[in-house]
Amino acid sequence: MERIVGRRSLPALSPDPSAEQLKAAYAINEPLCALLPDGTIAAPKGIYRFKTLDEANRQQEAWLVEAMAEWRESRRG
């Protein structure tokens, strides 16, 4: 038996987002940018292929932890 909870639908993507959509995107991105305030990117540039989503998540977390550790060391001077 399938159970459906709620009926929320996502807004359609458009080349000209509304002010509300921009505010929502900003609210999501701002805390993420605060993790690495010097503008660095946690993942090295490149194309990565993973067999599972779990493998991709583990790699992303490892990059983020490494970048945060480097940022912390740079702040210690």
C-alpha atoms as a PDB file:
ATOM      1  CA  MET A   1       0.000   0.000   0.000  1.00  0.00           C
ATOM      2  CA  GLU A   2       1.407   3.379  -1.011  1.00  0.00           C
ATOM      3  CA  ARG A   3       0.993   6.296   1.337  1.00  0.00           C
ATOM      4  CA  ILE A   4       1.123   9.891   0.148  1.00  0.00           C
ATOM      5  CA  VAL A   5       1.865  12.562   2.733  1.00  0.00           C
ATOM      6  CA  GLY A   6       1.167  16.115   1.609  1.00  0.00           C
ATOM      7  CA  ARG A   7       0.747  17.486  -1.857  1.00  0.00           C
ATOM      8  CA  ARG A   8       3.552  20.020  -2.080  1.00  0.00           C
ATOM      9  CA  SER A   9       4.750  20.722  -5.583  1.00  0.00           C
ATOM     10  CA  LEU A  10       7.977  22.423  -6.533  1.00  0.00           C
ATOM     11  CA  PRO A  11       7.809  25.685  -8.485  1.00  0.00           C
ATOM     12  CA  ALA A  12       8.595  25.454 -12.170  1.00  0.00           C
ATOM     13  CA  LEU A  13      12.129  26.399 -13.202  1.00  0.00           C
ATOM     14  CA  SER A  14      12.371  29.553 -15.243  1.00  0.00           C
ATOM     15  CA  PRO A  15      15.168  31.767 -16.576  1.00  0.00           C
ATOM     16  CA  ASP A  16      13.672  34.659 -14.559  1.00  0.00           C
ATOM     17  CA  PRO A  17      13.049  33.436 -10.992  1.00  0.00           C
ATOM     18  CA  SER A  18      10.762  35.380  -8.710  1.00  0.00           C
ATOM     19  CA  ALA A  19      12.019  37.324  -5.711  1.00  0.00           C
ATOM     20  CA  GLU A  20      10.627  34.636  -3.408  1.00  0.00           C
ATOM     21  CA  GLN A  21      12.541  31.916  -5.269  1.00  0.00           C
ATOM     22  CA  LEU A  22      15.756  33.937  -5.066  1.00  0.00           C
ATOM     23  CA  LYS A  23      15.281  34.481  -1.337  1.00  0.00           C
ATOM     24  CA  ALA A  24      14.686  30.752  -0.812  1.00  0.00           C
ATOM     25  CA  ALA A  25      17.831  29.873  -2.784  1.00  0.00           C
ATOM     26  CA  TYR A  26      19.835  32.432  -0.808  1.00  0.00           C
ATOM     27  CA  ALA A  27      18.558  30.972   2.471  1.00  0.00           C
ATOM     28  CA  ILE A  28      19.806  27.541   1.420  1.00  0.00           C
ATOM     29  CA  ASN A  29      23.181  28.655   0.031  1.00  0.00           C
ATOM     30  CA  GLU A  30      24.206  31.166   2.695  1.00  0.00           C
ATOM     31  CA  PRO A  31      24.914  28.641   5.496  1.00  0.00           C
ATOM     32  CA  LEU A  32      26.830  26.456   3.055  1.00  0.00           C
ATOM     33  CA  CYS A  33      29.012  29.363   1.964  1.00  0.00           C
ATOM     34  CA  ALA A  34      29.711  30.203   5.601  1.00  0.00           C
ATOM     35  CA  LEU A  35      31.381  26.821   6.071  1.00  0.00           C
ATOM     36  CA  LEU A  36      34.248  27.893   3.823  1.00  0.00           C
ATOM     37  CA  PRO A  37      34.236  31.695   4.024  1.00  0.00           C
ATOM     38  CA  ASP A  38      37.398  32.280   2.025  1.00  0.00           C
ATOM     39  CA  GLY A  39      35.639  31.262  -1.178  1.00  0.00           C
ATOM     40  CA  THR A  40      37.326  27.891  -1.604  1.00  0.00           C
ATOM     41  CA  ILE A  41      35.452  24.946  -3.025  1.00  0.00           C
ATOM     42  CA  ALA A  42      35.512  21.708  -1.077  1.00  0.00           C
ATOM     43  CA  ALA A  43      35.616  19.394  -4.112  1.00  0.00           C
ATOM     44  CA  PRO A  44      38.552  19.520  -6.508  1.00  0.00           C
ATOM     45  CA  LYS A  45      37.686  20.384 -10.089  1.00  0.00           C
ATOM     46  CA  GLY A  46      36.996  17.435 -12.328  1.00  0.00           C
ATOM     47  CA  ILE A  47      34.408  14.932 -13.404  1.00  0.00           C
ATOM     48  CA  TYR A  48      33.619  12.223 -10.901  1.00  0.00           C
ATOM     49  CA  ARG A  49      31.604   9.075 -11.482  1.00  0.00           C
ATOM     50  CA  PHE A  50      30.350   7.011  -8.604  1.00  0.00           C
ATOM     51  CA  LYS A  51      28.621   3.653  -8.617  1.00  0.00           C
ATOM     52  CA  THR A  52      26.241   4.573  -5.805  1.00  0.00           C
ATOM     53  CA  LEU A  53      24.851   7.708  -4.246  1.00  0.00           C
ATOM     54  CA  ASP A  54      26.234   6.562  -0.905  1.00  0.00           C
ATOM     55  CA  GLU A  55      29.752   6.449  -2.362  1.00  0.00           C
ATOM     56  CA  ALA A  56      29.335   9.969  -3.775  1.00  0.00           C
ATOM     57  CA  ASN A  57      28.078  11.278  -0.422  1.00  0.00           C
ATOM     58  CA  ARG A  58      31.029   9.747   1.433  1.00  0.00           C
ATOM     59  CA  GLN A  59      33.482  11.354  -0.989  1.00  0.00           C
ATOM     60  CA  GLN A  60      31.770  14.739  -0.757  1.00  0.00           C
ATOM     61  CA  GLU A  61      31.859  14.591   3.036  1.00  0.00           C
ATOM     62  CA  ALA A  62      35.555  13.681   2.964  1.00  0.00           C
ATOM     63  CA  TRP A  63      36.331  16.671   0.723  1.00  0.00           C
ATOM     64  CA  LEU A  64      34.323  18.983   2.959  1.00  0.00           C
ATOM     65  CA  VAL A  65      36.054  17.755   6.117  1.00  0.00           C
ATOM     66  CA  GLU A  66      39.466  18.159   4.473  1.00  0.00           C
ATOM     67  CA  ALA A  67      38.659  21.684   3.278  1.00  0.00           C
ATOM     68  CA  MET A  68      37.321  22.709   6.675  1.00  0.00           C
ATOM     69  CA  ALA A  69      40.440  21.341   8.385  1.00  0.00           C
ATOM     70  CA  GLU A  70      42.677  23.281   5.980  1.00  0.00           C
ATOM     71  CA  TRP A  71      40.647  26.438   6.602  1.00  0.00           C
ATOM     72  CA  ARG A  72      40.941  25.958  10.358  1.00  0.00           C
ATOM     73  CA  GLU A  73      44.709  25.499  10.134  1.00  0.00           C
ATOM     74  CA  SER A  74      45.030  28.628   8.003  1.00  0.00           C
ATOM     75  CA  ARG A  75      43.169  30.628  10.660  1.00  0.00           C
ATOM     76  CA  ARG A  76      45.508  29.437  13.385  1.00  0.00           C
ATOM     77  CA  GLY A  77      48.333  31.116  11.517  1.00  0.00           C
END
